[in-house]
C-alpha atoms as a PDB file:
ATOM      1  CA  MET A   1       0.218  -0.159  -0.105  1.00  0.00           C
ATOM      2  CA  VAL A   2       1.487   3.087  -0.940  1.00  0.00           C
ATOM      3  CA  SER A   3       1.945   5.782   2.117  1.00  0.00           C
ATOM      4  CA  ALA A   4       0.655   9.306   2.128  1.00  0.00           C
ATOM      5  CA  SER A   5       4.034  11.109   2.021  1.00  0.00           C
ATOM      6  CA  ILE A   6       4.799   8.720  -1.357  1.00  0.00           C
ATOM      7  CA  ALA A   7       1.338   9.415  -2.979  1.00  0.00           C
ATOM      8  CA  ARG A   8       2.108  13.344  -1.854  1.00  0.00           C
ATOM      9  CA  ASN A   9       5.497  13.388  -3.346  1.00  0.00           C
ATOM     10  CA  ILE A  10       4.268  11.554  -6.106  1.00  0.00           C
ATOM     11  CA  VAL A  11       1.586  14.208  -7.054  1.00  0.00           C
ATOM     12  CA  GLY A  12       3.707  16.970  -6.302  1.00  0.00           C
ATOM     13  CA  ILE A  13       6.924  15.909  -8.364  1.00  0.00           C
ATOM     14  CA  ILE A  14       4.879  14.526 -11.715  1.00  0.00           C
ATOM     15  CA  GLY A  15       1.916  16.678 -11.624  1.00  0.00           C
ATOM     16  CA  LEU A  16       2.640  20.146  -9.871  1.00  0.00           C
ATOM     17  CA  ASN A  17       6.007  20.266 -11.750  1.00  0.00           C
ATOM     18  CA  VAL A  18       4.572  19.790 -14.977  1.00  0.00           C
ATOM     19  CA  ILE A  19       1.349  21.822 -14.669  1.00  0.00           C
ATOM     20  CA  SER A  20       3.595  24.593 -12.849  1.00  0.00           C
ATOM     21  CA  PHE A  21       6.126  24.736 -15.165  1.00  0.00           C
ATOM     22  CA  GLY A  22       3.202  24.729 -18.415  1.00  0.00           C
ATOM     23  CA  LEU A  23       1.901  27.974 -16.338  1.00  0.00           C
ATOM     24  CA  PHE A  24       5.448  29.551 -15.988  1.00  0.00           C
ATOM     25  CA  PHE A  25       6.320  29.182 -19.522  1.00  0.00           C
ATOM     26  CA  SER A  26       3.302  30.043 -21.108  1.00  0.00           C
ATOM     27  CA  PRO A  27       4.164  33.682 -21.085  1.00  0.00           C
ATOM     28  CA  ALA A  28       7.134  32.663 -23.353  1.00  0.00           C
ATOM     29  CA  PRO A  29       5.527  33.397 -26.794  1.00  0.00           C
ATOM     30  CA  THR A  30       4.945  37.076 -25.720  1.00  0.00           C
ATOM     31  CA  PHE A  31       8.236  38.043 -24.765  1.00  0.00           C
ATOM     32  CA  TYR A  32       9.578  36.176 -28.117  1.00  0.00           C
ATOM     33  CA  LYS A  33       7.716  38.835 -29.786  1.00  0.00           C
ATOM     34  CA  ILE A  34       9.008  41.355 -27.560  1.00  0.00           C
ATOM     35  CA  ILE A  35      12.297  40.740 -28.258  1.00  0.00           C
ATOM     36  CA  LYS A  36      11.900  40.095 -32.148  1.00  0.00           C
ATOM     37  CA  LYS A  37      10.153  43.268 -32.260  1.00  0.00           C
ATOM     38  CA  LYS A  38      12.420  45.035 -29.815  1.00  0.00           C
ATOM     39  CA  ASP A  39       9.485  46.867 -28.345  1.00  0.00           C
ATOM     40  CA  VAL A  40       7.004  46.205 -25.648  1.00  0.00           C
ATOM     41  CA  GLU A  41       3.934  47.694 -27.907  1.00  0.00           C
ATOM     42  CA  GLU A  42       0.783  47.590 -25.818  1.00  0.00           C
ATOM     43  CA  PHE A  43       1.740  44.558 -23.780  1.00  0.00           C
ATOM     44  CA  LYS A  44       1.511  45.105 -19.757  1.00  0.00           C
ATOM     45  CA  PRO A  45       4.125  44.274 -17.016  1.00  0.00           C
ATOM     46  CA  ASP A  46       1.236  44.210 -14.527  1.00  0.00           C
ATOM     47  CA  PRO A  47       0.298  40.159 -14.638  1.00  0.00           C
ATOM     48  CA  TYR A  48       4.214  39.538 -14.274  1.00  0.00           C
ATOM     49  CA  ILE A  49       4.781  42.100 -11.412  1.00  0.00           C
ATOM     50  CA  ALA A  50       1.702  40.281  -9.415  1.00  0.00           C
ATOM     51  CA  THR A  51       3.085  36.835 -10.071  1.00  0.00           C
ATOM     52  CA  VAL A  52       6.431  37.747  -8.397  1.00  0.00           C
ATOM     53  CA  LEU A  53       4.503  38.772  -5.410  1.00  0.00           C
ATOM     54  CA  ASN A  54       2.323  35.817  -5.363  1.00  0.00           C
ATOM     55  CA  CYS A  55       5.522  33.230  -6.051  1.00  0.00           C
ATOM     56  CA  ALA A  56       7.313  35.185  -3.046  1.00  0.00           C
ATOM     57  CA  PHE A  57       4.562  34.943  -0.638  1.00  0.00           C
ATOM     58  CA  TRP A  58       4.239  31.133  -1.285  1.00  0.00           C
ATOM     59  CA  VAL A  59       8.064  30.675  -0.985  1.00  0.00           C
ATOM     60  CA  PHE A  60       7.976  32.464   2.310  1.00  0.00           C
ATOM     61  CA  TYR A  61       4.811  30.219   3.630  1.00  0.00           C
ATOM     62  CA  GLY A  62       6.447  26.860   2.160  1.00  0.00           C
ATOM     63  CA  LEU A  63       9.644  27.449   4.605  1.00  0.00           C
ATOM     64  CA  PRO A  64      10.029  25.453   7.675  1.00  0.00           C
ATOM     65  CA  PHE A  65       9.721  27.855  10.423  1.00  0.00           C
ATOM     66  CA  VAL A  66       6.402  29.351   9.061  1.00  0.00           C
ATOM     67  CA  HIS A  67       4.616  25.885   7.699  1.00  0.00           C
ATOM     68  CA  PRO A  68       6.731  22.765   7.952  1.00  0.00           C
ATOM     69  CA  ASN A  69       6.720  20.026   5.292  1.00  0.00           C
ATOM     70  CA  SER A  70       5.938  22.389   2.409  1.00  0.00           C
ATOM     71  CA  LEU A  71       9.184  21.752   0.241  1.00  0.00           C
ATOM     72  CA  LEU A  72       7.495  21.860  -3.248  1.00  0.00           C
ATOM     73  CA  VAL A  73       5.450  24.985  -2.344  1.00  0.00           C
ATOM     74  CA  VAL A  74       9.172  26.520  -2.005  1.00  0.00           C
ATOM     75  CA  THR A  75      10.992  24.704  -4.883  1.00  0.00           C
ATOM     76  CA  ILE A  76       8.244  25.202  -7.221  1.00  0.00           C
ATOM     77  CA  ASN A  77       7.339  28.904  -6.803  1.00  0.00           C
ATOM     78  CA  GLY A  78      11.348  29.563  -6.598  1.00  0.00           C
ATOM     79  CA  VAL A  79      11.639  28.570  -9.958  1.00  0.00           C
ATOM     80  CA  GLY A  80       8.435  30.349 -10.510  1.00  0.00           C
ATOM     81  CA  LEU A  81      10.056  33.766  -9.282  1.00  0.00           C
ATOM     82  CA  VAL A  82      13.172  33.234 -11.817  1.00  0.00           C
ATOM     83  CA  PHE A  83      10.699  32.803 -14.670  1.00  0.00           C
ATOM     84  CA  GLU A  84       9.030  36.020 -13.657  1.00  0.00           C
ATOM     85  CA  PHE A  85      12.091  38.028 -13.280  1.00  0.00           C
ATOM     86  CA  VAL A  86      13.502  37.058 -16.657  1.00  0.00           C
ATOM     87  CA  TYR A  87      10.034  38.047 -18.098  1.00  0.00           C
ATOM     88  CA  LEU A  88      10.299  41.342 -16.324  1.00  0.00           C
ATOM     89  CA  THR A  89      13.908  41.892 -17.290  1.00  0.00           C
ATOM     90  CA  ILE A  90      13.261  41.373 -20.966  1.00  0.00           C
ATOM     91  CA  PHE A  91      10.224  44.039 -20.421  1.00  0.00           C
ATOM     92  CA  TYR A  92      12.524  46.454 -18.623  1.00  0.00           C
ATOM     93  CA  VAL A  93      15.146  46.101 -21.598  1.00  0.00           C
ATOM     94  CA  TYR A  94      12.592  47.192 -24.581  1.00  0.00           C
ATOM     95  CA  ALA A  95      10.376  49.309 -22.403  1.00  0.00           C
ATOM     96  CA  ASN A  96      10.297  53.247 -22.768  1.00  0.00           C
ATOM     97  CA  ASN A  97      11.434  55.038 -20.092  1.00  0.00           C
ATOM     98  CA  LYS A  98       8.117  55.561 -18.848  1.00  0.00           C
ATOM     99  CA  GLY A  99       7.556  51.911 -18.824  1.00  0.00           C
ATOM    100  CA  ARG A 100      10.970  51.484 -17.103  1.00  0.00           C
ATOM    101  CA  LYS A 101      10.054  53.787 -13.775  1.00  0.00           C
ATOM    102  CA  LYS A 102       6.969  52.136 -13.486  1.00  0.00           C
ATOM    103  CA  LEU A 103       8.057  48.805 -13.568  1.00  0.00           C
ATOM    104  CA  LEU A 104      10.745  49.396 -10.728  1.00  0.00           C
ATOM    105  CA  LEU A 105       8.299  51.585  -8.718  1.00  0.00           C
ATOM    106  CA  TYR A 106       5.717  48.753  -8.591  1.00  0.00           C
ATOM    107  CA  LEU A 107       8.576  46.463  -7.795  1.00  0.00           C
ATOM    108  CA  LEU A 108       9.938  48.776  -4.971  1.00  0.00           C
ATOM    109  CA  ILE A 109       6.417  48.808  -3.510  1.00  0.00           C
ATOM    110  CA  GLU A 110       5.855  45.026  -3.768  1.00  0.00           C
ATOM    111  CA  ALA A 111       9.479  44.785  -2.086  1.00  0.00           C
ATOM    112  CA  ILE A 112       8.481  46.991   0.923  1.00  0.00           C
ATOM    113  CA  PHE A 113       5.105  45.328   1.355  1.00  0.00           C
ATOM    114  CA  PHE A 114       6.892  41.663   1.143  1.00  0.00           C
ATOM    115  CA  ALA A 115       9.273  43.130   3.892  1.00  0.00           C
ATOM    116  CA  VAL A 116       6.549  44.411   6.154  1.00  0.00           C
ATOM    117  CA  ILE A 117       4.635  40.857   6.323  1.00  0.00           C
ATOM    118  CA  VAL A 118       8.116  39.243   6.958  1.00  0.00           C
ATOM    119  CA  LEU A 119       9.304  41.136   9.595  1.00  0.00           C
ATOM    120  CA  ILE A 120       5.962  41.170  11.063  1.00  0.00           C
ATOM    121  CA  THR A 121       5.666  37.484  10.816  1.00  0.00           C
ATOM    122  CA  MET A 122       8.823  36.734  12.118  1.00  0.00           C
ATOM    123  CA  PHE A 123       8.966  39.009  15.261  1.00  0.00           C
ATOM    124  CA  ALA A 124       5.431  39.450  16.407  1.00  0.00           C
ATOM    125  CA  LEU A 125       3.924  35.982  15.429  1.00  0.00           C
ATOM    126  CA  HIS A 126       5.325  32.858  17.081  1.00  0.00           C
ATOM    127  CA  GLY A 127       5.162  29.603  16.284  1.00  0.00           C
ATOM    128  CA  THR A 128       4.148  27.823  12.991  1.00  0.00           C
ATOM    129  CA  THR A 129       0.392  27.602  13.443  1.00  0.00           C
ATOM    130  CA  ARG A 130       0.408  31.355  13.616  1.00  0.00           C
ATOM    131  CA  ARG A 131       2.661  32.162  11.075  1.00  0.00           C
ATOM    132  CA  SER A 132       0.897  30.007   8.787  1.00  0.00           C
ATOM    133  CA  LEU A 133      -2.485  31.721   9.476  1.00  0.00           C
ATOM    134  CA  VAL A 134      -1.233  34.927   8.601  1.00  0.00           C
ATOM    135  CA  VAL A 135       0.788  34.312   5.817  1.00  0.00           C
ATOM    136  CA  GLY A 136      -1.691  31.254   4.415  1.00  0.00           C
ATOM    137  CA  ILE A 137      -4.481  33.969   4.470  1.00  0.00           C
ATOM    138  CA  ILE A 138      -2.439  36.332   2.369  1.00  0.00           C
ATOM    139  CA  CYS A 139      -1.534  33.813  -0.157  1.00  0.00           C
ATOM    140  CA  ASP A 140      -4.924  32.662  -0.642  1.00  0.00           C
ATOM    141  CA  ILE A 141      -5.931  36.188  -1.481  1.00  0.00           C
ATOM    142  CA  PHE A 142      -3.174  36.238  -4.138  1.00  0.00           C
ATOM    143  CA  ASN A 143      -4.000  32.935  -5.393  1.00  0.00           C
ATOM    144  CA  ILE A 144      -7.898  33.381  -5.379  1.00  0.00           C
ATOM    145  CA  MET A 145      -7.231  36.596  -7.573  1.00  0.00           C
ATOM    146  CA  MET A 146      -5.271  34.831 -10.019  1.00  0.00           C
ATOM    147  CA  TYR A 147      -7.758  31.956 -10.506  1.00  0.00           C
ATOM    148  CA  VAL A 148     -11.036  34.110 -11.082  1.00  0.00           C
ATOM    149  CA  SER A 149      -9.180  36.825 -13.129  1.00  0.00           C
ATOM    150  CA  PRO A 150     -10.245  35.147 -16.557  1.00  0.00           C
ATOM    151  CA  LEU A 151     -13.942  35.079 -15.214  1.00  0.00           C
ATOM    152  CA  THR A 152     -14.058  38.707 -15.986  1.00  0.00           C
ATOM    153  CA  VAL A 153     -14.097  37.860 -19.741  1.00  0.00           C
ATOM    154  CA  MET A 154     -17.180  35.632 -19.105  1.00  0.00           C
ATOM    155  CA  ALA A 155     -19.596  38.446 -19.494  1.00  0.00           C
ATOM    156  CA  LYS A 156     -18.167  39.370 -22.930  1.00  0.00           C
ATOM    157  CA  VAL A 157     -18.611  35.735 -24.083  1.00  0.00           C
ATOM    158  CA  ILE A 158     -22.056  35.766 -23.017  1.00  0.00           C
ATOM    159  CA  LYS A 159     -22.662  39.065 -24.605  1.00  0.00           C
ATOM    160  CA  THR A 160     -21.229  38.211 -27.658  1.00  0.00           C
ATOM    161  CA  ARG A 161     -21.866  34.358 -27.547  1.00  0.00           C
ATOM    162  CA  SER A 162     -18.657  33.908 -28.820  1.00  0.00           C
ATOM    163  CA  VAL A 163     -15.478  32.534 -27.300  1.00  0.00           C
ATOM    164  CA  GLU A 164     -13.038  34.815 -29.266  1.00  0.00           C
ATOM    165  CA  TYR A 165     -11.612  36.608 -26.373  1.00  0.00           C
ATOM    166  CA  MET A 166     -11.745  33.627 -23.886  1.00  0.00           C
ATOM    167  CA  PRO A 167      -8.545  32.642 -22.906  1.00  0.00           C
ATOM    168  CA  PHE A 168      -9.177  28.799 -23.383  1.00  0.00           C
ATOM    169  CA  TRP A 169      -5.462  27.373 -22.317  1.00  0.00           C
ATOM    170  CA  LEU A 170      -5.268  29.691 -19.481  1.00  0.00           C
ATOM    171  CA  SER A 171      -8.420  28.340 -18.227  1.00  0.00           C
ATOM    172  CA  LEU A 172      -7.336  24.855 -18.684  1.00  0.00           C
ATOM    173  CA  ALA A 173      -4.019  25.190 -17.387  1.00  0.00           C
ATOM    174  CA  ASN A 174      -5.841  27.409 -14.302  1.00  0.00           C
ATOM    175  CA  PHE A 175      -7.795  24.279 -13.670  1.00  0.00           C
ATOM    176  CA  LEU A 176      -5.607  21.457 -13.831  1.00  0.00           C
ATOM    177  CA  ASN A 177      -3.182  23.357 -11.572  1.00  0.00           C
ATOM    178  CA  GLY A 178      -5.979  23.862  -9.234  1.00  0.00           C
ATOM    179  CA  LEU A 179      -7.047  20.173  -9.326  1.00  0.00           C
ATOM    180  CA  CYS A 180      -3.331  18.964  -8.478  1.00  0.00           C
ATOM    181  CA  TRP A 181      -2.703  21.177  -5.755  1.00  0.00           C
ATOM    182  CA  THR A 182      -6.081  20.571  -4.165  1.00  0.00           C
ATOM    183  CA  SER A 183      -5.030  16.880  -4.555  1.00  0.00           C
ATOM    184  CA  TYR A 184      -1.655  17.323  -3.058  1.00  0.00           C
ATOM    185  CA  ALA A 185      -3.432  19.563  -0.159  1.00  0.00           C
ATOM    186  CA  LEU A 186      -5.653  16.765   0.560  1.00  0.00           C
ATOM    187  CA  ILE A 187      -3.283  14.167   1.012  1.00  0.00           C
ATOM    188  CA  HIS A 188      -1.882  14.128   4.931  1.00  0.00           C
ATOM    189  CA  PRO A 189      -0.806  16.024   6.345  1.00  0.00           C
ATOM    190  CA  LEU A 190      -3.884  18.242   5.412  1.00  0.00           C
ATOM    191  CA  ASP A 191      -2.854  22.016   4.220  1.00  0.00           C
ATOM    192  CA  ILE A 192      -6.025  23.977   4.694  1.00  0.00           C
ATOM    193  CA  TYR A 193      -4.366  27.075   3.061  1.00  0.00           C
ATOM    194  CA  VAL A 194      -2.980  25.475   0.012  1.00  0.00           C
ATOM    195  CA  LEU A 195      -6.682  23.800  -0.481  1.00  0.00           C
ATOM    196  CA  ILE A 196      -9.062  26.891   0.082  1.00  0.00           C
ATOM    197  CA  SER A 197      -7.684  28.795  -2.927  1.00  0.00           C
ATOM    198  CA  ASN A 198      -7.093  25.805  -5.114  1.00  0.00           C
ATOM    199  CA  GLY A 199     -10.267  24.286  -4.606  1.00  0.00           C
ATOM    200  CA  ILE A 200     -12.238  27.622  -5.762  1.00  0.00           C
ATOM    201  CA  GLY A 201      -9.518  27.484  -8.437  1.00  0.00           C
ATOM    202  CA  VAL A 202     -10.769  24.008  -9.711  1.00  0.00           C
ATOM    203  CA  ILE A 203     -14.583  25.429  -9.487  1.00  0.00           C
ATOM    204  CA  SER A 204     -13.471  28.682 -11.379  1.00  0.00           C
ATOM    205  CA  GLY A 205     -11.702  26.676 -14.243  1.00  0.00           C
ATOM    206  CA  LEU A 206     -14.207  24.302 -14.464  1.00  0.00           C
ATOM    207  CA  VAL A 207     -16.815  26.934 -15.268  1.00  0.00           C
ATOM    208  CA  GLN A 208     -14.833  28.470 -17.332  1.00  0.00           C
ATOM    209  CA  LEU A 209     -14.252  25.531 -19.528  1.00  0.00           C
ATOM    210  CA  LEU A 210     -18.190  24.510 -19.278  1.00  0.00           C
ATOM    211  CA  LEU A 211     -18.945  28.225 -20.514  1.00  0.00           C
ATOM    212  CA  TYR A 212     -16.121  27.837 -23.216  1.00  0.00           C
ATOM    213  CA  ALA A 213     -17.610  24.293 -24.441  1.00  0.00           C
ATOM    214  CA  TYR A 214     -21.299  25.509 -24.473  1.00  0.00           C
ATOM    215  CA  PHE A 215     -20.768  28.479 -26.512  1.00  0.00           C
ATOM    216  CA  TRP A 216     -18.256  26.466 -29.002  1.00  0.00           C
ATOM    217  CA  CYS A 217     -20.856  24.161 -29.576  1.00  0.00           C
ATOM    218  CA  LYS A 218     -23.427  26.953 -30.214  1.00  0.00           C
ATOM    219  CA  GLY A 219     -20.914  27.886 -32.875  1.00  0.00           C
ATOM    220  CA  GLY A 220     -19.201  30.793 -31.007  1.00  0.00           C
ATOM    221  CA  LYS A 221     -15.729  31.688 -32.724  1.00  0.00           C
ATOM    222  CA  LYS A 222     -12.942  29.048 -31.399  1.00  0.00           C
ATOM    223  CA  ILE A 223     -10.406  31.081 -29.779  1.00  0.00           C
ATOM    224  CA  ASP A 224      -6.993  31.393 -31.975  1.00  0.00           C
ATOM    225  CA  VAL A 225      -3.949  30.445 -29.602  1.00  0.00           C
ATOM    226  CA  GLY A 226      -1.436  32.519 -31.626  1.00  0.00           C
ATOM    227  CA  ASP A 227      -3.521  35.837 -31.295  1.00  0.00           C
ATOM    228  CA  ASP A 228      -1.841  38.737 -29.599  1.00  0.00           C
ATOM    229  CA  HIS A 229      -5.090  39.813 -27.641  1.00  0.00           C
ATOM    230  CA  VAL A 230      -5.327  36.558 -25.839  1.00  0.00           C
ATOM    231  CA  PRO A 231      -4.827  37.604 -22.221  1.00  0.00           C
ATOM    232  CA  LYS A 232      -1.544  35.627 -20.911  1.00  0.00           C
ATOM    233  CA  PRO A 233      -1.652  33.619 -17.441  1.00  0.00           C
ATOM    234  CA  THR A 234      -0.866  35.399 -14.093  1.00  0.00           C
ATOM    235  CA  GLU A 235       0.643  31.954 -13.463  1.00  0.00           C
ATOM    236  CA  ALA A 236       1.642  31.527  -9.945  1.00  0.00           C
ATOM    237  CA  ALA A 237       2.216  27.564  -9.166  1.00  0.00           C
ATOM    238  CA  VAL A 238       0.235  27.031  -6.100  1.00  0.00           C
END
């Protein structure tokens, strides 16, 4: 009989690494276009700036002195941080002066906010239970925002009765990502904070996929995965 720890590692190593890597790598075509054209054009760095903070908080959450037995949370989101900083570096190189200043300002604000939370957690909160509670809630807030962001397109899909502007691959990736992390969280030891946001992610992704399937079957225009107007993931691994 397979033990809970082995099952958890299997889900984490096989499922989470593959799905999370797909999420982190998905913006690559966008940045290839930026490098090729040597111009960021109308692309915005906001999703990638937000993902940096999301990944940073999950890395902090997974550290032993905050939430023990969460090595995969640390490693996967650590990889995510590397990806996001590479994307933002490319954006910085090809952005104009105004875009560069805006990018640096947002990153500075994020760094200050993150540092404040870390200091409060380490010096005002004692014990992993309290630290897990505070940091876990913050992580859940950011993760839920990531998962529900594609839902903003649903109103347009219903109004136009077309899936042309619906990010199918993002919705699918978010659904699979949420499903893997939910399975991981349910295997002993139970991780309620990973479970909450990713359980919502499963529901959100399923609703998006069902909506896509409904209007696609009704004859709505199918999305072109190569279109520049397709929203890119605000990927986070957890």
